[in-house]
Amino acid sequence: MLETANSQFAYAVQRWSELRNMPGSNPNGRYQMAVETRNYLCAALQNVEGAQRILNGIKFPYCAPDEMQTLRKAVEYIFCDMNTPPRHAHAFDCYSALYKRCHALVQWVKYVIDDTIKKDHNKVEAEFKAIQRQLREERMKLIHDKIHQVTGEQVDMKDYGEDDHQEEIKHEHSIVQPDVISAADMPGDKKEMPDVPPPPQPVAAPPPPQEQLAPPPSMEDLIGDVKEIQKRHEKDMEELRKTQENSRARADASLEAQLRERRSRQARLRVHEEQMQQMESVQ
């Protein structure tokens, strides 16, 4: 979402820069460029704000709410700013500053993910897989012992391969795209699209050096209050334990009922066979 906003800022800044060279004899072309700039700026604003809502526990060091509000006010006067060189230059400085700030924000988020979150995630994931393997081995052993205790049969649990499949969690977030300009959006009585060449692919600004980026957030900012999370975890584990005990009790009861039914069926079958043998001996 932030990378999309960064690309939209880059396109808007480049389009606004090209508007300065658009001759005044082509008012519809100038208007189209201004509308494109406005649409891309609005889309970028919404994407940055959407990213902030998703990461509401982390304070962005760049593109703060007051900066976004300043840009929003500047966009309101975009059709006035396009008419005079001084106001055009002032608006260009405002748009460029936000573009650079958004670019730095993208680099900062990547830095936090690569140098902080991924390292901790990889460490926890390795520990989780080791514990998961131990739990599976213990679970298979308990199942094997239970089957042997009930049926007297030996079951090779190696036939039940380890299932490492983990459901991928997908987060669906709506990325805002700029509105498309149509001929009906053109001013005047003559509704037609002007002949405006599309701009080349925007050139990305060079990433700022890592030492110039804002410091990463603390672990408390990233994951929250550890003590509170631990309390919630203990409560969840207690509820899970109760649920597992209830499920185990129901499973044991169901298994016992099936075994009783099986013993009863075998007993009836033996009685039936004995009666058949007696009838055959009488005959």
Protein backbone atom coordinates (compact mmCIF):
# COMPACT_ATOMS: atom_id res chain seq x y z
CA MET A 1 0.00 0.00 0.00
CA LEU A 2 2.82 2.42 0.85
CA GLU A 3 4.74 1.45 -2.27
CA THR A 4 1.64 2.16 -4.33
CA ALA A 5 1.30 5.55 -2.63
CA ASN A 6 4.98 6.26 -3.34
CA SER A 7 4.50 5.51 -7.06
CA GLN A 8 1.39 7.69 -7.15
CA PHE A 9 3.26 10.58 -5.53
CA ALA A 10 6.05 10.19 -8.09
CA TYR A 11 3.58 10.26 -10.99
CA ALA A 12 1.76 13.30 -9.58
CA VAL A 13 4.99 15.26 -9.07
CA GLN A 14 6.18 14.46 -12.58
CA ARG A 15 2.83 15.37 -14.12
CA TRP A 16 2.72 18.65 -12.19
CA SER A 17 6.24 19.47 -13.37
CA GLU A 18 5.24 18.86 -16.99
CA LEU A 19 2.21 21.13 -16.64
CA ARG A 20 4.60 24.07 -16.30
CA ASN A 21 5.74 23.52 -19.91
CA MET A 22 2.23 23.04 -21.31
CA PRO A 23 1.37 26.11 -23.45
CA GLY A 24 -1.53 28.30 -22.36
CA SER A 25 -3.07 27.82 -25.80
CA ASN A 26 -4.02 24.29 -24.73
CA PRO A 27 -6.24 24.93 -21.69
CA ASN A 28 -7.88 21.51 -21.85
CA GLY A 29 -4.48 19.85 -21.83
CA ARG A 30 -3.43 21.89 -18.81
CA TYR A 31 -6.69 21.06 -17.09
CA GLN A 32 -6.24 17.34 -17.77
CA MET A 33 -2.75 17.41 -16.28
CA ALA A 34 -4.01 19.23 -13.19
CA VAL A 35 -6.86 16.72 -12.75
CA GLU A 36 -4.45 13.81 -13.12
CA THR A 37 -2.14 15.35 -10.55
CA ARG A 38 -5.03 15.89 -8.14
CA ASN A 39 -6.37 12.36 -8.59
CA TYR A 40 -3.00 10.73 -8.01
CA LEU A 41 -2.29 12.91 -4.97
CA CYS A 42 -5.69 12.05 -3.46
CA ALA A 43 -5.16 8.34 -4.07
CA ALA A 44 -1.68 8.50 -2.52
CA LEU A 45 -3.08 10.33 0.51
CA GLN A 46 -5.74 7.68 1.05
CA ASN A 47 -3.22 4.84 0.70
CA VAL A 48 -0.84 6.37 3.24
CA GLU A 49 -3.71 6.92 5.67
CA GLY A 50 -4.92 3.37 5.03
CA ALA A 51 -1.48 2.00 5.89
CA GLN A 52 -1.48 4.04 9.09
CA ARG A 53 -4.88 2.59 10.06
CA ILE A 54 -3.56 -0.94 9.51
CA LEU A 55 -0.48 -0.23 11.62
CA ASN A 56 -2.36 1.87 14.15
CA GLY A 57 -0.03 0.88 16.97
CA ILE A 58 3.03 2.34 15.23
CA LYS A 59 3.67 6.03 14.81
CA PHE A 60 5.02 6.83 11.36
CA PRO A 61 8.12 9.07 11.54
CA TYR A 62 7.23 10.42 8.09
CA CYS A 63 3.94 11.48 6.50
CA ALA A 64 2.42 12.43 9.83
CA PRO A 65 -1.29 13.38 9.98
CA ASP A 66 -0.52 17.10 10.04
CA GLU A 67 1.61 16.72 6.90
CA MET A 68 -1.21 14.86 5.18
CA GLN A 69 -3.63 17.62 6.17
CA THR A 70 -1.29 20.25 4.74
CA LEU A 71 -1.14 18.39 1.44
CA ARG A 72 -4.91 17.95 1.41
CA LYS A 73 -5.37 21.72 1.73
CA ALA A 74 -2.83 22.31 -1.03
CA VAL A 75 -4.73 19.96 -3.35
CA GLU A 76 -7.90 22.01 -2.82
CA TYR A 77 -6.22 24.99 -4.54
CA ILE A 78 -4.60 23.02 -7.35
CA PHE A 79 -6.65 24.69 -10.11
CA CYS A 80 -5.59 28.12 -8.82
CA ASP A 81 -1.97 27.08 -8.45
CA MET A 82 -1.78 25.92 -12.06
CA ASN A 83 -2.36 29.45 -13.41
CA THR A 84 0.58 31.41 -11.99
CA PRO A 85 4.28 30.38 -11.93
CA PRO A 86 4.92 31.39 -8.30
CA ARG A 87 1.98 29.38 -6.97
CA HIS A 88 2.84 26.50 -9.28
CA ALA A 89 6.39 26.45 -7.90
CA HIS A 90 5.14 26.60 -4.30
CA ALA A 91 2.74 23.70 -4.91
CA PHE A 92 5.54 21.76 -6.62
CA ASP A 93 7.72 22.17 -3.52
CA CYS A 94 4.87 20.93 -1.33
CA TYR A 95 4.15 17.89 -3.50
CA SER A 96 7.86 17.05 -3.85
CA ALA A 97 8.42 17.27 -0.10
CA LEU A 98 5.61 14.81 0.59
CA TYR A 99 6.89 12.50 -2.15
CA LYS A 100 10.34 12.43 -0.54
CA ARG A 101 8.79 11.86 2.87
CA CYS A 102 6.69 8.97 1.53
CA HIS A 103 9.76 7.49 -0.16
CA ALA A 104 11.65 7.67 3.14
CA LEU A 105 8.67 6.05 4.89
CA VAL A 106 8.77 3.10 2.47
CA GLN A 107 12.50 2.64 3.15
CA TRP A 108 11.92 2.93 6.90
CA VAL A 109 9.20 0.26 6.87
CA LYS A 110 11.45 -2.08 4.85
CA TYR A 111 14.28 -1.46 7.30
CA VAL A 112 12.06 -2.27 10.28
CA ILE A 113 10.76 -5.44 8.62
CA ASP A 114 14.17 -6.73 7.49
CA ASP A 115 16.28 -5.77 10.51
CA THR A 116 13.80 -6.20 13.35
CA ILE A 117 10.66 -8.15 12.57
CA LYS A 118 12.13 -10.80 10.25
CA LYS A 119 14.99 -11.66 12.59
CA ASP A 120 12.62 -12.18 15.51
CA HIS A 121 10.11 -13.98 13.31
CA ASN A 122 12.70 -16.43 11.94
CA LYS A 123 13.96 -17.20 15.46
CA VAL A 124 10.45 -17.78 16.83
CA GLU A 125 9.48 -19.83 13.78
CA ALA A 126 12.47 -22.17 14.26
CA GLU A 127 11.59 -22.65 17.94
CA PHE A 128 7.93 -23.19 17.06
CA LYS A 129 8.74 -25.91 14.50
CA ALA A 130 10.97 -27.74 16.97
CA ILE A 131 8.24 -27.71 19.65
CA GLN A 132 5.61 -28.65 17.06
CA ARG A 133 7.70 -31.69 16.07
CA GLN A 134 8.08 -32.76 19.70
CA LEU A 135 4.35 -32.37 20.33
CA ARG A 136 3.51 -34.46 17.28
CA GLU A 137 5.84 -37.25 18.39
CA GLU A 138 4.29 -37.21 21.85
CA ARG A 139 0.78 -37.19 20.36
CA MET A 140 1.57 -40.16 18.10
CA LYS A 141 3.01 -42.07 21.06
CA LEU A 142 -0.13 -41.46 23.15
CA ILE A 143 -2.38 -42.56 20.27
CA HIS A 144 -0.30 -45.69 19.77
CA ASP A 145 -0.46 -46.57 23.47
CA LYS A 146 -4.23 -45.95 23.59
CA ILE A 147 -4.91 -48.15 20.56
CA HIS A 148 -2.74 -50.93 22.02
CA GLN A 149 -4.49 -50.63 25.41
CA VAL A 150 -7.99 -50.86 23.90
CA THR A 151 -7.56 -53.32 21.02
CA GLY A 152 -4.31 -55.08 21.84
CA GLU A 153 -3.11 -54.34 18.31
CA GLN A 154 0.19 -52.78 17.36
CA VAL A 155 -0.19 -49.90 14.91
CA ASP A 156 2.78 -48.49 13.06
CA MET A 157 2.36 -44.73 13.48
CA LYS A 158 5.03 -44.10 10.87
CA ASP A 159 2.30 -44.58 8.27
CA TYR A 160 0.90 -41.24 9.35
CA GLY A 161 3.24 -38.75 7.74
CA GLU A 162 3.94 -35.39 9.28
CA ASP A 163 1.72 -32.66 7.96
CA ASP A 164 3.68 -29.44 7.75
CA HIS A 165 0.91 -27.66 5.88
CA GLN A 166 0.05 -24.36 7.41
CA GLU A 167 -2.79 -22.30 6.11
CA GLU A 168 -1.54 -19.10 4.61
CA ILE A 169 -3.13 -16.03 6.14
CA LYS A 170 -3.99 -13.46 3.55
CA HIS A 171 -4.72 -9.91 4.44
CA GLU A 172 -6.95 -8.20 1.97
CA HIS A 173 -6.59 -4.46 1.96
CA SER A 174 -8.15 -2.11 -0.54
CA ILE A 175 -5.52 -0.10 -2.42
CA VAL A 176 -6.91 3.18 -3.73
CA GLN A 177 -6.38 3.90 -7.42
CA PRO A 178 -6.79 7.37 -8.98
CA ASP A 179 -9.98 8.23 -10.84
CA VAL A 180 -9.88 7.98 -14.61
CA ILE A 181 -10.50 11.19 -16.56
CA SER A 182 -13.19 11.10 -19.25
CA ALA A 183 -14.29 13.61 -21.86
CA ALA A 184 -17.28 14.54 -19.68
CA ASP A 185 -14.83 15.89 -17.10
CA MET A 186 -13.45 18.48 -19.52
CA PRO A 187 -14.53 22.12 -19.00
CA GLY A 188 -16.46 24.11 -21.54
CA ASP A 189 -19.17 23.20 -23.98
CA LYS A 190 -16.93 21.16 -26.28
CA LYS A 191 -16.46 17.87 -24.48
CA GLU A 192 -13.44 16.16 -25.97
CA MET A 193 -10.19 14.79 -24.65
CA PRO A 194 -7.17 16.99 -25.42
CA ASP A 195 -4.12 15.63 -27.17
CA VAL A 196 -1.80 15.25 -24.20
CA PRO A 197 1.12 12.83 -24.47
CA PRO A 198 1.43 10.40 -21.55
CA PRO A 199 4.39 11.03 -19.28
CA PRO A 200 7.33 8.61 -19.20
CA GLN A 201 7.73 6.18 -16.34
CA PRO A 202 8.53 8.20 -13.19
CA VAL A 203 12.10 7.88 -12.01
CA ALA A 204 12.22 6.76 -8.39
CA ALA A 205 14.02 9.01 -5.99
CA PRO A 206 17.25 7.56 -4.60
CA PRO A 207 16.69 5.88 -1.22
CA PRO A 208 18.04 7.81 1.75
CA PRO A 209 21.04 6.29 3.54
CA GLN A 210 20.05 3.97 6.36
CA GLU A 211 21.83 6.11 8.95
CA GLN A 212 19.63 9.05 7.96
CA LEU A 213 16.39 7.16 8.52
CA ALA A 214 14.37 7.61 11.69
CA PRO A 215 15.15 5.10 14.46
CA PRO A 216 13.03 1.92 14.40
CA PRO A 217 10.12 1.58 16.82
CA SER A 218 10.59 -0.20 20.11
CA MET A 219 9.41 -3.76 20.63
CA GLU A 220 6.57 -2.45 22.77
CA ASP A 221 5.45 -0.26 19.86
CA LEU A 222 5.59 -3.24 17.51
CA ILE A 223 3.93 -5.93 19.61
CA GLY A 224 2.31 -3.99 22.47
CA ASP A 225 2.54 -4.45 26.22
CA VAL A 226 4.30 -7.78 26.78
CA LYS A 227 2.78 -8.34 30.24
CA GLU A 228 -0.72 -7.72 28.95
CA ILE A 229 -0.11 -10.04 26.00
CA GLN A 230 1.19 -12.70 28.37
CA LYS A 231 -1.93 -12.42 30.54
CA ARG A 232 -4.17 -12.79 27.49
CA HIS A 233 -2.09 -15.74 26.33
CA GLU A 234 -2.41 -17.49 29.70
CA LYS A 235 -6.15 -16.93 29.68
CA ASP A 236 -6.43 -18.26 26.13
CA MET A 237 -4.31 -21.30 27.01
CA GLU A 238 -6.52 -22.03 30.03
CA GLU A 239 -9.63 -21.89 27.85
CA LEU A 240 -7.90 -24.08 25.28
CA ARG A 241 -6.96 -26.60 27.97
CA LYS A 242 -10.57 -26.81 29.16
CA THR A 243 -11.79 -27.23 25.59
CA GLN A 244 -9.25 -29.99 24.94
CA GLU A 245 -10.21 -31.79 28.15
CA ASN A 246 -13.89 -31.67 27.17
CA SER A 247 -13.08 -32.89 23.68
CA ARG A 248 -10.90 -35.68 25.07
CA ALA A 249 -13.66 -36.73 27.46
CA ARG A 250 -16.20 -36.82 24.62
CA ALA A 251 -13.78 -38.75 22.42
CA ASP A 252 -13.10 -41.29 25.21
CA ALA A 253 -16.82 -41.69 25.84
CA SER A 254 -17.47 -42.21 22.15
CA LEU A 255 -14.65 -44.74 21.90
CA GLU A 256 -15.90 -46.65 24.92
CA ALA A 257 -19.41 -46.73 23.45
CA GLN A 258 -18.05 -48.09 20.18
CA LEU A 259 -16.03 -50.72 22.02
CA ARG A 260 -19.10 -51.80 24.04
CA GLU A 261 -21.08 -52.06 20.84
CA ARG A 262 -18.30 -54.09 19.29
CA ARG A 263 -18.10 -56.46 22.27
CA SER A 264 -21.88 -56.80 22.30
CA ARG A 265 -21.90 -57.57 18.56
CA GLN A 266 -19.17 -60.16 18.99
CA ALA A 267 -21.04 -61.73 21.91
CA ARG A 268 -24.24 -61.98 19.85
CA LEU A 269 -22.28 -63.47 17.01
CA ARG A 270 -20.78 -66.14 19.30
CA VAL A 271 -24.22 -67.00 20.71
CA HIS A 272 -25.59 -67.28 17.20
CA GLU A 273 -22.75 -69.57 16.14
CA GLU A 274 -23.25 -71.77 19.23
CA GLN A 275 -26.97 -72.06 18.49
CA MET A 276 -26.25 -73.00 14.87
CA GLN A 277 -23.79 -75.66 16.01
CA GLN A 278 -26.38 -77.10 18.46
CA MET A 279 -29.03 -77.22 15.74
CA GLU A 280 -26.63 -78.99 13.38
CA SER A 281 -25.72 -81.53 16.05
CA VAL A 282 -29.41 -82.27 16.74
CA GLN A 283 -30.04 -82.85 13.05
